[in-house]
Amino acid sequence: MSNEKINSMMKDNHLITRLENGYMLRKTTNGSIYQDFFGFTRFGSEESALEAAKEQRALLLSETSDYISFQKTNINNKTGVVGTSLLIAKNKDSNVIINTRCQMPVGGKTQSFSFSVKTYGLWKAFELAVRHRNQYVANNNGEPVDVEEAFKVFIDYYVERMKQEQDFTIKGDLFTQIIAMIESSSTPEKIVFFARNSMVNIIN
């Protein structure tokens, strides 16, 4: 399968079907059926569920292709690392949820790990998601990504997402987390540098 064909598939809802309570991702490969359900309640909103389904589709297409094996990045994956995503939503109590997440197919099913940015901090939550993903890739003879370099792509997306956010509560929480990361003594200097640059870029 060529790069062009994969990218064409991911421009719409190819392989993704909207159901009453969520989206179903389904693909048949070499006689085996892969499917996963992304519920609106589980992901906080219909938009977040669709985004998660598309992230998993990108991962699935990259790993079932004869042409691409464990690609590090994908133009349709805005976090910079295939198999990872940023989920932002409000729960039923209007509390803002900000999670990083990694996914990998295991035995025909999707195994997911989520990390709360409010619990771990922005950098640590991203690092944990990518390191979990890297471990899976390494175990399957793939090439892991450099976590700090990947963060450079992720933080640009995070800041742009914050800039475009219309909900002031969510925008405020996103801003609070990036400032807390910059000011934390445990954040690597390189990560602080990337974050400061991203913040400067949206101001200019």
N, C-alpha and C. Protein backbone atom coordinates (compact mmCIF):
# COMPACT_ATOMS: atom_id res chain seq x y z
N MET A 1 0.85 -1.19 0.00
CA MET A 1 0.00 0.00 0.00
C MET A 1 0.88 1.24 0.00
N SER A 2 0.62 2.19 -0.87
CA SER A 2 1.49 3.35 -1.00
C SER A 2 1.16 4.41 0.03
N ASN A 3 2.12 5.34 0.24
CA ASN A 3 1.88 6.49 1.11
C ASN A 3 0.67 7.27 0.64
N GLU A 4 0.58 7.47 -0.70
CA GLU A 4 -0.50 8.28 -1.26
C GLU A 4 -1.87 7.66 -0.96
N LYS A 5 -1.95 6.32 -1.08
CA LYS A 5 -3.22 5.65 -0.83
C LYS A 5 -3.62 5.75 0.63
N ILE A 6 -2.65 5.57 1.53
CA ILE A 6 -2.94 5.67 2.97
C ILE A 6 -3.42 7.07 3.32
N ASN A 7 -2.71 8.09 2.81
CA ASN A 7 -3.09 9.47 3.11
C ASN A 7 -4.47 9.80 2.55
N SER A 8 -4.79 9.24 1.35
CA SER A 8 -6.11 9.46 0.76
C SER A 8 -7.19 8.85 1.62
N MET A 9 -6.93 7.65 2.15
CA MET A 9 -7.90 6.97 3.00
C MET A 9 -8.22 7.78 4.25
N MET A 10 -7.22 8.46 4.79
CA MET A 10 -7.37 9.12 6.07
C MET A 10 -7.93 10.53 5.95
N LYS A 11 -8.28 10.98 4.74
CA LYS A 11 -8.84 12.30 4.57
C LYS A 11 -10.31 12.35 4.98
N ASP A 12 -10.99 11.22 4.96
CA ASP A 12 -12.40 11.18 5.33
C ASP A 12 -12.60 10.15 6.44
N ASN A 13 -13.80 9.62 6.53
CA ASN A 13 -14.09 8.65 7.58
C ASN A 13 -13.97 7.21 7.09
N HIS A 14 -13.03 6.97 6.20
CA HIS A 14 -12.79 5.63 5.68
C HIS A 14 -12.55 4.66 6.84
N LEU A 15 -13.25 3.54 6.83
CA LEU A 15 -13.18 2.47 7.84
C LEU A 15 -13.90 2.82 9.14
N ILE A 16 -14.43 4.03 9.25
CA ILE A 16 -15.08 4.48 10.49
C ILE A 16 -16.57 4.66 10.24
N THR A 17 -17.39 4.03 11.08
CA THR A 17 -18.84 4.12 10.95
C THR A 17 -19.43 4.75 12.21
N ARG A 18 -20.32 5.73 12.00
CA ARG A 18 -20.97 6.36 13.15
C ARG A 18 -22.15 5.50 13.59
N LEU A 19 -22.17 5.15 14.86
CA LEU A 19 -23.29 4.42 15.45
C LEU A 19 -24.03 5.34 16.41
N GLU A 20 -25.03 4.82 17.09
CA GLU A 20 -25.86 5.67 17.96
C GLU A 20 -25.06 6.27 19.11
N ASN A 21 -24.14 5.49 19.68
CA ASN A 21 -23.42 5.95 20.87
C ASN A 21 -21.93 6.13 20.67
N GLY A 22 -21.48 6.06 19.42
CA GLY A 22 -20.05 6.21 19.19
C GLY A 22 -19.67 5.85 17.76
N TYR A 23 -18.37 5.69 17.54
CA TYR A 23 -17.84 5.34 16.22
C TYR A 23 -17.20 3.96 16.25
N MET A 24 -17.44 3.19 15.21
CA MET A 24 -16.85 1.87 15.07
C MET A 24 -15.77 1.91 13.99
N LEU A 25 -14.58 1.47 14.35
CA LEU A 25 -13.48 1.32 13.39
C LEU A 25 -13.38 -0.16 13.05
N ARG A 26 -13.39 -0.47 11.77
CA ARG A 26 -13.40 -1.88 11.36
C ARG A 26 -12.55 -2.05 10.10
N LYS A 27 -11.66 -3.05 10.12
CA LYS A 27 -10.81 -3.32 8.97
C LYS A 27 -10.53 -4.81 8.89
N THR A 28 -10.58 -5.35 7.67
CA THR A 28 -10.25 -6.75 7.44
C THR A 28 -8.89 -6.83 6.77
N THR A 29 -7.97 -7.59 7.36
CA THR A 29 -6.62 -7.73 6.83
C THR A 29 -6.23 -9.20 6.81
N ASN A 30 -5.93 -9.70 5.62
CA ASN A 30 -5.50 -11.10 5.48
C ASN A 30 -6.46 -12.08 6.15
N GLY A 31 -7.74 -11.81 6.01
CA GLY A 31 -8.75 -12.70 6.57
C GLY A 31 -9.09 -12.45 8.02
N SER A 32 -8.34 -11.58 8.69
CA SER A 32 -8.59 -11.27 10.10
C SER A 32 -9.35 -9.95 10.20
N ILE A 33 -10.33 -9.90 11.09
CA ILE A 33 -11.13 -8.69 11.27
C ILE A 33 -10.67 -7.95 12.52
N TYR A 34 -10.33 -6.68 12.33
CA TYR A 34 -9.98 -5.82 13.46
C TYR A 34 -11.13 -4.84 13.63
N GLN A 35 -11.61 -4.66 14.86
CA GLN A 35 -12.61 -3.63 15.10
C GLN A 35 -12.46 -3.09 16.52
N ASP A 36 -12.83 -1.83 16.66
CA ASP A 36 -12.75 -1.18 17.96
C ASP A 36 -13.85 -0.13 18.01
N PHE A 37 -14.42 0.07 19.20
CA PHE A 37 -15.51 1.03 19.38
C PHE A 37 -15.04 2.21 20.21
N PHE A 38 -15.41 3.41 19.77
CA PHE A 38 -15.02 4.64 20.45
C PHE A 38 -16.30 5.37 20.87
N GLY A 39 -16.69 5.16 22.11
CA GLY A 39 -17.96 5.69 22.60
C GLY A 39 -17.91 7.16 22.96
N PHE A 40 -19.03 7.86 22.74
CA PHE A 40 -19.11 9.28 23.06
C PHE A 40 -18.91 9.52 24.55
N THR A 41 -19.51 8.68 25.38
CA THR A 41 -19.40 8.84 26.83
C THR A 41 -17.97 8.61 27.30
N ARG A 42 -17.35 7.57 26.81
CA ARG A 42 -15.99 7.22 27.20
C ARG A 42 -15.00 8.34 26.88
N PHE A 43 -15.17 8.98 25.71
CA PHE A 43 -14.21 9.98 25.28
C PHE A 43 -14.66 11.41 25.55
N GLY A 44 -15.83 11.56 26.17
CA GLY A 44 -16.24 12.89 26.61
C GLY A 44 -17.09 13.66 25.64
N SER A 45 -16.99 13.37 24.35
CA SER A 45 -17.78 14.07 23.34
C SER A 45 -17.71 13.31 22.02
N GLU A 46 -18.61 13.63 21.11
CA GLU A 46 -18.60 12.99 19.79
C GLU A 46 -17.32 13.35 19.03
N GLU A 47 -16.91 14.61 19.15
CA GLU A 47 -15.70 15.07 18.45
C GLU A 47 -14.46 14.33 18.94
N SER A 48 -14.33 14.16 20.25
CA SER A 48 -13.17 13.47 20.80
C SER A 48 -13.17 11.99 20.42
N ALA A 49 -14.36 11.39 20.37
CA ALA A 49 -14.46 9.98 19.98
C ALA A 49 -14.02 9.79 18.53
N LEU A 50 -14.44 10.71 17.65
CA LEU A 50 -14.05 10.62 16.25
C LEU A 50 -12.55 10.84 16.09
N GLU A 51 -12.01 11.79 16.84
CA GLU A 51 -10.56 12.04 16.78
C GLU A 51 -9.79 10.80 17.21
N ALA A 52 -10.25 10.15 18.28
CA ALA A 52 -9.58 8.95 18.77
C ALA A 52 -9.67 7.82 17.73
N ALA A 53 -10.82 7.71 17.09
CA ALA A 53 -10.99 6.68 16.05
C ALA A 53 -10.05 6.92 14.88
N LYS A 54 -9.89 8.17 14.50
CA LYS A 54 -8.99 8.50 13.39
C LYS A 54 -7.53 8.26 13.76
N GLU A 55 -7.18 8.55 15.02
CA GLU A 55 -5.82 8.29 15.48
C GLU A 55 -5.52 6.78 15.41
N GLN A 56 -6.48 5.98 15.86
CA GLN A 56 -6.29 4.54 15.84
C GLN A 56 -6.27 4.01 14.41
N ARG A 57 -7.05 4.62 13.52
CA ARG A 57 -7.04 4.22 12.12
C ARG A 57 -5.67 4.47 11.50
N ALA A 58 -5.07 5.63 11.82
CA ALA A 58 -3.73 5.93 11.30
C ALA A 58 -2.73 4.88 11.76
N LEU A 59 -2.83 4.51 13.04
CA LEU A 59 -1.96 3.47 13.59
C LEU A 59 -2.20 2.14 12.89
N LEU A 60 -3.47 1.78 12.72
CA LEU A 60 -3.82 0.50 12.12
C LEU A 60 -3.34 0.42 10.67
N LEU A 61 -3.55 1.48 9.91
CA LEU A 61 -3.12 1.48 8.51
C LEU A 61 -1.62 1.40 8.38
N SER A 62 -0.91 2.10 9.27
CA SER A 62 0.55 2.09 9.18
C SER A 62 1.12 0.72 9.51
N GLU A 63 0.45 -0.01 10.40
CA GLU A 63 1.00 -1.28 10.85
C GLU A 63 0.49 -2.49 10.07
N THR A 64 -0.53 -2.29 9.23
CA THR A 64 -0.99 -3.39 8.38
C THR A 64 -0.56 -3.19 6.94
N SER A 65 0.20 -2.14 6.69
CA SER A 65 0.67 -1.86 5.34
C SER A 65 1.97 -2.60 5.06
N ASP A 66 2.11 -3.12 3.85
CA ASP A 66 3.37 -3.75 3.45
C ASP A 66 4.43 -2.71 3.16
N TYR A 67 3.99 -1.47 2.98
CA TYR A 67 4.91 -0.41 2.56
C TYR A 67 5.47 0.37 3.73
N ILE A 68 4.63 0.55 4.75
CA ILE A 68 5.05 1.35 5.90
C ILE A 68 5.05 0.47 7.14
N SER A 69 6.11 0.49 7.90
CA SER A 69 6.19 -0.29 9.12
C SER A 69 6.64 0.59 10.28
N PHE A 70 5.75 0.75 11.25
CA PHE A 70 6.08 1.54 12.44
C PHE A 70 6.62 2.92 12.08
N GLN A 71 5.92 3.63 11.21
CA GLN A 71 6.36 4.98 10.88
C GLN A 71 6.35 5.83 12.15
N LYS A 72 7.30 6.75 12.22
CA LYS A 72 7.43 7.56 13.43
C LYS A 72 6.39 8.67 13.49
N THR A 73 6.13 9.31 12.37
CA THR A 73 5.19 10.42 12.36
C THR A 73 4.22 10.24 11.20
N ASN A 74 3.14 10.99 11.25
CA ASN A 74 2.14 10.91 10.21
C ASN A 74 1.50 12.28 10.08
N ILE A 75 1.28 12.74 8.85
CA ILE A 75 0.75 14.08 8.66
C ILE A 75 -0.64 14.23 9.25
N ASN A 76 -1.35 13.10 9.44
CA ASN A 76 -2.69 13.15 10.02
C ASN A 76 -2.65 13.04 11.55
N ASN A 77 -1.50 12.82 12.12
CA ASN A 77 -1.35 12.69 13.56
C ASN A 77 -0.70 13.96 14.09
N LYS A 78 -1.48 14.81 14.73
CA LYS A 78 -0.99 16.14 15.09
C LYS A 78 -0.11 16.15 16.32
N THR A 79 -0.08 15.05 17.08
CA THR A 79 0.78 15.03 18.26
C THR A 79 2.22 14.73 17.91
N GLY A 80 2.48 14.29 16.70
CA GLY A 80 3.86 14.03 16.28
C GLY A 80 4.30 12.59 16.39
N VAL A 81 3.51 11.75 17.05
CA VAL A 81 3.89 10.34 17.21
C VAL A 81 2.69 9.46 16.88
N VAL A 82 2.86 8.56 15.93
CA VAL A 82 1.77 7.64 15.59
C VAL A 82 1.40 6.80 16.81
N GLY A 83 0.11 6.66 17.05
CA GLY A 83 -0.35 5.86 18.18
C GLY A 83 -0.52 6.65 19.46
N THR A 84 -0.27 7.96 19.42
CA THR A 84 -0.49 8.79 20.60
C THR A 84 -1.48 9.89 20.26
N SER A 85 -2.17 10.38 21.26
CA SER A 85 -3.15 11.43 21.02
C SER A 85 -3.32 12.29 22.26
N LEU A 86 -3.89 13.47 22.05
CA LEU A 86 -4.22 14.39 23.13
C LEU A 86 -5.74 14.50 23.17
N LEU A 87 -6.33 14.17 24.31
CA LEU A 87 -7.77 14.22 24.45
C LEU A 87 -8.15 15.31 25.44
N ILE A 88 -9.01 16.22 24.99
CA ILE A 88 -9.45 17.34 25.81
C ILE A 88 -10.98 17.35 25.81
N ALA A 89 -11.58 17.34 26.99
CA ALA A 89 -13.03 17.30 27.06
C ALA A 89 -13.50 17.77 28.44
N LYS A 90 -14.80 17.99 28.54
CA LYS A 90 -15.43 18.26 29.83
C LYS A 90 -16.28 17.06 30.20
N ASN A 91 -16.23 16.67 31.48
CA ASN A 91 -17.10 15.58 31.90
C ASN A 91 -18.47 16.12 32.28
N LYS A 92 -19.33 15.24 32.79
CA LYS A 92 -20.71 15.64 33.10
C LYS A 92 -20.79 16.70 34.19
N ASP A 93 -19.72 16.82 34.99
CA ASP A 93 -19.67 17.83 36.05
C ASP A 93 -18.98 19.10 35.59
N SER A 94 -18.71 19.19 34.27
CA SER A 94 -18.06 20.35 33.65
C SER A 94 -16.61 20.52 34.07
N ASN A 95 -16.01 19.45 34.61
CA ASN A 95 -14.58 19.49 34.90
C ASN A 95 -13.81 19.21 33.61
N VAL A 96 -12.72 19.95 33.42
CA VAL A 96 -11.92 19.79 32.21
C VAL A 96 -10.98 18.59 32.36
N ILE A 97 -11.00 17.72 31.37
CA ILE A 97 -10.13 16.54 31.34
C ILE A 97 -9.12 16.73 30.22
N ILE A 98 -7.84 16.63 30.56
CA ILE A 98 -6.76 16.72 29.57
C ILE A 98 -5.90 15.49 29.74
N ASN A 99 -5.91 14.62 28.76
CA ASN A 99 -5.15 13.37 28.83
C ASN A 99 -4.28 13.17 27.60
N THR A 100 -3.12 12.59 27.81
CA THR A 100 -2.38 12.03 26.68
C THR A 100 -2.69 10.54 26.67
N ARG A 101 -2.59 9.95 25.49
CA ARG A 101 -2.95 8.54 25.40
C ARG A 101 -2.12 7.86 24.33
N CYS A 102 -1.78 6.60 24.58
CA CYS A 102 -1.12 5.80 23.55
C CYS A 102 -1.95 4.55 23.33
N GLN A 103 -1.92 4.07 22.11
CA GLN A 103 -2.68 2.88 21.75
C GLN A 103 -1.80 1.94 20.94
N MET A 104 -2.08 0.66 21.06
CA MET A 104 -1.39 -0.34 20.25
C MET A 104 -2.28 -1.56 20.10
N PRO A 105 -2.27 -2.20 18.92
CA PRO A 105 -3.07 -3.41 18.74
C PRO A 105 -2.43 -4.61 19.41
N VAL A 106 -3.21 -5.32 20.21
CA VAL A 106 -2.71 -6.52 20.89
C VAL A 106 -3.75 -7.62 20.73
N GLY A 107 -3.39 -8.66 20.02
CA GLY A 107 -4.30 -9.78 19.83
C GLY A 107 -5.60 -9.42 19.15
N GLY A 108 -5.53 -8.49 18.19
CA GLY A 108 -6.73 -8.09 17.46
C GLY A 108 -7.57 -7.05 18.17
N LYS A 109 -7.15 -6.64 19.36
CA LYS A 109 -7.86 -5.61 20.10
C LYS A 109 -6.93 -4.43 20.36
N THR A 110 -7.51 -3.33 20.78
CA THR A 110 -6.72 -2.14 21.06
C THR A 110 -6.43 -2.03 22.55
N GLN A 111 -5.17 -1.91 22.88
CA GLN A 111 -4.77 -1.67 24.27
C GLN A 111 -4.41 -0.20 24.40
N SER A 112 -5.00 0.46 25.37
CA SER A 112 -4.81 1.90 25.53
C SER A 112 -4.29 2.23 26.93
N PHE A 113 -3.46 3.26 26.98
CA PHE A 113 -2.98 3.80 28.25
C PHE A 113 -3.20 5.30 28.23
N SER A 114 -3.86 5.82 29.25
CA SER A 114 -4.11 7.26 29.34
C SER A 114 -3.39 7.84 30.54
N PHE A 115 -2.92 9.08 30.37
CA PHE A 115 -2.18 9.75 31.43
C PHE A 115 -2.73 11.17 31.60
N SER A 116 -3.19 11.45 32.81
CA SER A 116 -3.79 12.75 33.09
C SER A 116 -2.72 13.84 33.18
N VAL A 117 -2.90 14.88 32.39
CA VAL A 117 -1.97 16.01 32.43
C VAL A 117 -2.06 16.71 33.79
N LYS A 118 -3.24 16.74 34.38
CA LYS A 118 -3.39 17.40 35.67
C LYS A 118 -2.74 16.61 36.80
N THR A 119 -2.59 15.31 36.60
CA THR A 119 -1.94 14.47 37.61
C THR A 119 -0.43 14.45 37.43
N TYR A 120 0.01 14.22 36.21
CA TYR A 120 1.44 14.03 35.94
C TYR A 120 2.16 15.30 35.50
N GLY A 121 1.41 16.29 35.04
CA GLY A 121 2.03 17.44 34.41
C GLY A 121 2.11 17.20 32.91
N LEU A 122 2.20 18.27 32.14
CA LEU A 122 2.13 18.16 30.68
C LEU A 122 3.28 17.36 30.10
N TRP A 123 4.51 17.67 30.52
CA TRP A 123 5.66 16.96 29.97
C TRP A 123 5.65 15.49 30.36
N LYS A 124 5.41 15.20 31.63
CA LYS A 124 5.47 13.81 32.10
C LYS A 124 4.36 12.97 31.46
N ALA A 125 3.17 13.55 31.32
CA ALA A 125 2.06 12.81 30.71
C ALA A 125 2.39 12.45 29.26
N PHE A 126 3.01 13.39 28.54
CA PHE A 126 3.42 13.11 27.16
C PHE A 126 4.53 12.06 27.14
N GLU A 127 5.51 12.23 28.01
CA GLU A 127 6.63 11.30 28.06
C GLU A 127 6.16 9.87 28.34
N LEU A 128 5.25 9.71 29.29
CA LEU A 128 4.75 8.38 29.63
C LEU A 128 4.03 7.73 28.45
N ALA A 129 3.21 8.51 27.76
CA ALA A 129 2.48 7.98 26.61
C ALA A 129 3.44 7.52 25.52
N VAL A 130 4.42 8.35 25.22
CA VAL A 130 5.36 8.01 24.14
C VAL A 130 6.26 6.85 24.54
N ARG A 131 6.69 6.80 25.79
CA ARG A 131 7.56 5.69 26.22
C ARG A 131 6.80 4.36 26.20
N HIS A 132 5.53 4.37 26.56
CA HIS A 132 4.73 3.15 26.45
C HIS A 132 4.63 2.72 24.99
N ARG A 133 4.41 3.69 24.13
CA ARG A 133 4.32 3.40 22.70
C ARG A 133 5.68 2.91 22.17
N ASN A 134 6.75 3.55 22.60
CA ASN A 134 8.10 3.14 22.18
C ASN A 134 8.41 1.71 22.57
N GLN A 135 7.97 1.31 23.76
CA GLN A 135 8.23 -0.05 24.23
C GLN A 135 7.54 -1.06 23.32
N TYR A 136 6.31 -0.74 22.93
CA TYR A 136 5.58 -1.62 22.01
C TYR A 136 6.30 -1.71 20.67
N VAL A 137 6.73 -0.57 20.14
CA VAL A 137 7.41 -0.55 18.85
C VAL A 137 8.71 -1.34 18.91
N ALA A 138 9.49 -1.13 19.98
CA ALA A 138 10.77 -1.84 20.13
C ALA A 138 10.55 -3.35 20.22
N ASN A 139 9.51 -3.76 20.92
CA ASN A 139 9.22 -5.19 21.07
C ASN A 139 8.82 -5.84 19.75
N ASN A 140 8.44 -5.01 18.78
CA ASN A 140 8.04 -5.52 17.47
C ASN A 140 9.02 -5.11 16.38
N ASN A 141 10.28 -4.92 16.81
CA ASN A 141 11.39 -4.64 15.89
C ASN A 141 11.24 -3.33 15.13
N GLY A 142 10.51 -2.38 15.71
CA GLY A 142 10.40 -1.06 15.12
C GLY A 142 11.43 -0.12 15.73
N GLU A 143 11.46 1.10 15.24
CA GLU A 143 12.42 2.09 15.73
C GLU A 143 11.70 3.12 16.60
N PRO A 144 11.99 3.18 17.88
CA PRO A 144 11.34 4.15 18.77
C PRO A 144 11.69 5.59 18.39
N VAL A 145 10.84 6.51 18.78
CA VAL A 145 11.09 7.92 18.51
C VAL A 145 11.85 8.54 19.67
N ASP A 146 12.51 9.65 19.41
CA ASP A 146 13.16 10.44 20.45
C ASP A 146 12.06 11.24 21.16
N VAL A 147 11.87 11.00 22.44
CA VAL A 147 10.74 11.59 23.17
C VAL A 147 10.83 13.12 23.20
N GLU A 148 12.01 13.65 23.47
CA GLU A 148 12.14 15.11 23.56
C GLU A 148 11.93 15.78 22.21
N GLU A 149 12.46 15.19 21.15
CA GLU A 149 12.26 15.77 19.82
C GLU A 149 10.79 15.68 19.40
N ALA A 150 10.14 14.59 19.77
CA ALA A 150 8.71 14.43 19.46
C ALA A 150 7.89 15.49 20.19
N PHE A 151 8.34 15.87 21.38
CA PHE A 151 7.61 16.87 22.16
C PHE A 151 7.58 18.21 21.44
N LYS A 152 8.59 18.50 20.65
CA LYS A 152 8.64 19.76 19.91
C LYS A 152 7.43 19.88 18.98
N VAL A 153 7.06 18.79 18.33
CA VAL A 153 5.88 18.77 17.47
C VAL A 153 4.61 18.84 18.31
N PHE A 154 4.60 18.06 19.38
CA PHE A 154 3.42 18.00 20.24
C PHE A 154 3.09 19.35 20.85
N ILE A 155 4.09 20.07 21.36
CA ILE A 155 3.81 21.33 22.06
C ILE A 155 3.32 22.39 21.10
N ASP A 156 3.78 22.36 19.85
CA ASP A 156 3.26 23.30 18.85
C ASP A 156 1.77 23.04 18.61
N TYR A 157 1.41 21.76 18.54
CA TYR A 157 0.00 21.40 18.37
C TYR A 157 -0.80 21.81 19.60
N TYR A 158 -0.27 21.54 20.78
CA TYR A 158 -0.96 21.86 22.04
C TYR A 158 -1.24 23.36 22.13
N VAL A 159 -0.24 24.17 21.83
CA VAL A 159 -0.40 25.63 21.92
C VAL A 159 -1.39 26.13 20.88
N GLU A 160 -1.32 25.59 19.68
CA GLU A 160 -2.27 25.99 18.64
C GLU A 160 -3.69 25.58 19.03
N ARG A 161 -3.82 24.41 19.62
CA ARG A 161 -5.14 23.94 20.10
C ARG A 161 -5.66 24.87 21.18
N MET A 162 -4.78 25.31 22.06
CA MET A 162 -5.16 26.25 23.11
C MET A 162 -5.59 27.59 22.51
N LYS A 163 -4.85 28.03 21.51
CA LYS A 163 -5.14 29.30 20.85
C LYS A 163 -6.52 29.29 20.20
N GLN A 164 -6.89 28.16 19.60
CA GLN A 164 -8.15 28.06 18.87
C GLN A 164 -9.35 27.73 19.76
N GLU A 165 -9.10 27.33 20.99
CA GLU A 165 -10.17 26.89 21.89
C GLU A 165 -11.15 28.04 22.18
N GLN A 166 -12.45 27.76 22.02
CA GLN A 166 -13.49 28.75 22.24
C GLN A 166 -14.04 28.73 23.67
N ASP A 167 -13.88 27.60 24.35
CA ASP A 167 -14.35 27.48 25.72
C ASP A 167 -13.29 28.06 26.65
N PHE A 168 -13.62 29.13 27.36
CA PHE A 168 -12.63 29.82 28.17
C PHE A 168 -12.15 28.99 29.36
N THR A 169 -13.00 28.11 29.87
CA THR A 169 -12.57 27.24 30.97
C THR A 169 -11.50 26.27 30.49
N ILE A 170 -11.74 25.66 29.34
CA ILE A 170 -10.76 24.74 28.77
C ILE A 170 -9.48 25.48 28.41
N LYS A 171 -9.63 26.63 27.77
CA LYS A 171 -8.45 27.43 27.39
C LYS A 171 -7.61 27.78 28.62
N GLY A 172 -8.30 28.15 29.71
CA GLY A 172 -7.59 28.50 30.94
C GLY A 172 -6.83 27.33 31.53
N ASP A 173 -7.45 26.15 31.50
CA ASP A 173 -6.77 24.96 32.02
C ASP A 173 -5.58 24.56 31.16
N LEU A 174 -5.72 24.68 29.84
CA LEU A 174 -4.60 24.38 28.95
C LEU A 174 -3.43 25.32 29.21
N PHE A 175 -3.76 26.60 29.42
CA PHE A 175 -2.72 27.60 29.70
C PHE A 175 -2.05 27.32 31.04
N THR A 176 -2.85 27.00 32.05
CA THR A 176 -2.31 26.71 33.38
C THR A 176 -1.32 25.56 33.34
N GLN A 177 -1.62 24.53 32.58
CA GLN A 177 -0.75 23.35 32.52
C GLN A 177 0.58 23.64 31.83
N ILE A 178 0.56 24.44 30.79
CA ILE A 178 1.81 24.73 30.10
C ILE A 178 2.70 25.65 30.94
N ILE A 179 2.09 26.59 31.64
CA ILE A 179 2.87 27.48 32.52
C ILE A 179 3.46 26.69 33.68
N ALA A 180 2.67 25.79 34.27
CA ALA A 180 3.16 24.96 35.37
C ALA A 180 4.35 24.12 34.92
N MET A 181 4.29 23.61 33.71
CA MET A 181 5.39 22.80 33.18
C MET A 181 6.65 23.64 33.00
N ILE A 182 6.48 24.84 32.46
CA ILE A 182 7.63 25.73 32.23
C ILE A 182 8.29 26.11 33.55
N GLU A 183 7.48 26.33 34.57
CA GLU A 183 8.00 26.80 35.86
C GLU A 183 8.51 25.67 36.76
N SER A 184 8.20 24.43 36.42
CA SER A 184 8.62 23.30 37.25
C SER A 184 10.12 23.05 37.13
N SER A 185 10.78 22.86 38.26
CA SER A 185 12.22 22.59 38.27
C SER A 185 12.55 21.20 37.73
N SER A 186 11.54 20.33 37.64
CA SER A 186 11.78 18.97 37.16
C SER A 186 11.67 18.84 35.64
N THR A 187 11.23 19.91 34.98
CA THR A 187 11.10 19.87 33.52
C THR A 187 12.46 20.07 32.86
N PRO A 188 12.87 19.18 31.96
CA PRO A 188 14.16 19.33 31.27
C PRO A 188 14.27 20.68 30.56
N GLU A 189 15.47 21.25 30.52
CA GLU A 189 15.68 22.56 29.91
C GLU A 189 15.25 22.57 28.44
N LYS A 190 15.51 21.50 27.74
CA LYS A 190 15.15 21.42 26.32
C LYS A 190 13.64 21.52 26.14
N ILE A 191 12.89 20.90 27.03
CA ILE A 191 11.44 20.92 26.96
C ILE A 191 10.91 22.32 27.26
N VAL A 192 11.50 22.97 28.25
CA VAL A 192 11.12 24.35 28.58
C VAL A 192 11.39 25.26 27.38
N PHE A 193 12.52 25.05 26.72
CA PHE A 193 12.88 25.85 25.55
C PHE A 193 11.84 25.69 24.44
N PHE A 194 11.45 24.46 24.17
CA PHE A 194 10.44 24.21 23.14
C PHE A 194 9.12 24.88 23.50
N ALA A 195 8.73 24.78 24.77
CA ALA A 195 7.46 25.35 25.21
C ALA A 195 7.47 26.87 25.12
N ARG A 196 8.56 27.49 25.55
CA ARG A 196 8.67 28.95 25.47
C ARG A 196 8.60 29.42 24.02
N ASN A 197 9.28 28.73 23.14
CA ASN A 197 9.25 29.10 21.73
C ASN A 197 7.84 29.02 21.16
N SER A 198 7.12 27.98 21.52
CA SER A 198 5.75 27.83 21.02
C SER A 198 4.85 28.95 21.54
N MET A 199 5.04 29.32 22.80
CA MET A 199 4.24 30.39 23.37
C MET A 199 4.54 31.73 22.71
N VAL A 200 5.82 31.97 22.42
CA VAL A 200 6.23 33.22 21.75
C VAL A 200 5.63 33.30 20.36
N ASN A 201 5.59 32.17 19.67
CA ASN A 201 5.09 32.15 18.30
C ASN A 201 3.62 32.54 18.20
N ILE A 202 2.81 32.21 19.21
CA ILE A 202 1.39 32.56 19.12
C ILE A 202 1.16 34.01 19.52
N ILE A 203 2.12 34.58 20.24
CA ILE A 203 1.99 35.99 20.64
C ILE A 203 2.38 36.90 19.48
N ASN A 204 3.43 36.49 18.75
CA ASN A 204 3.93 37.31 17.63
C ASN A 204 3.00 37.25 16.42
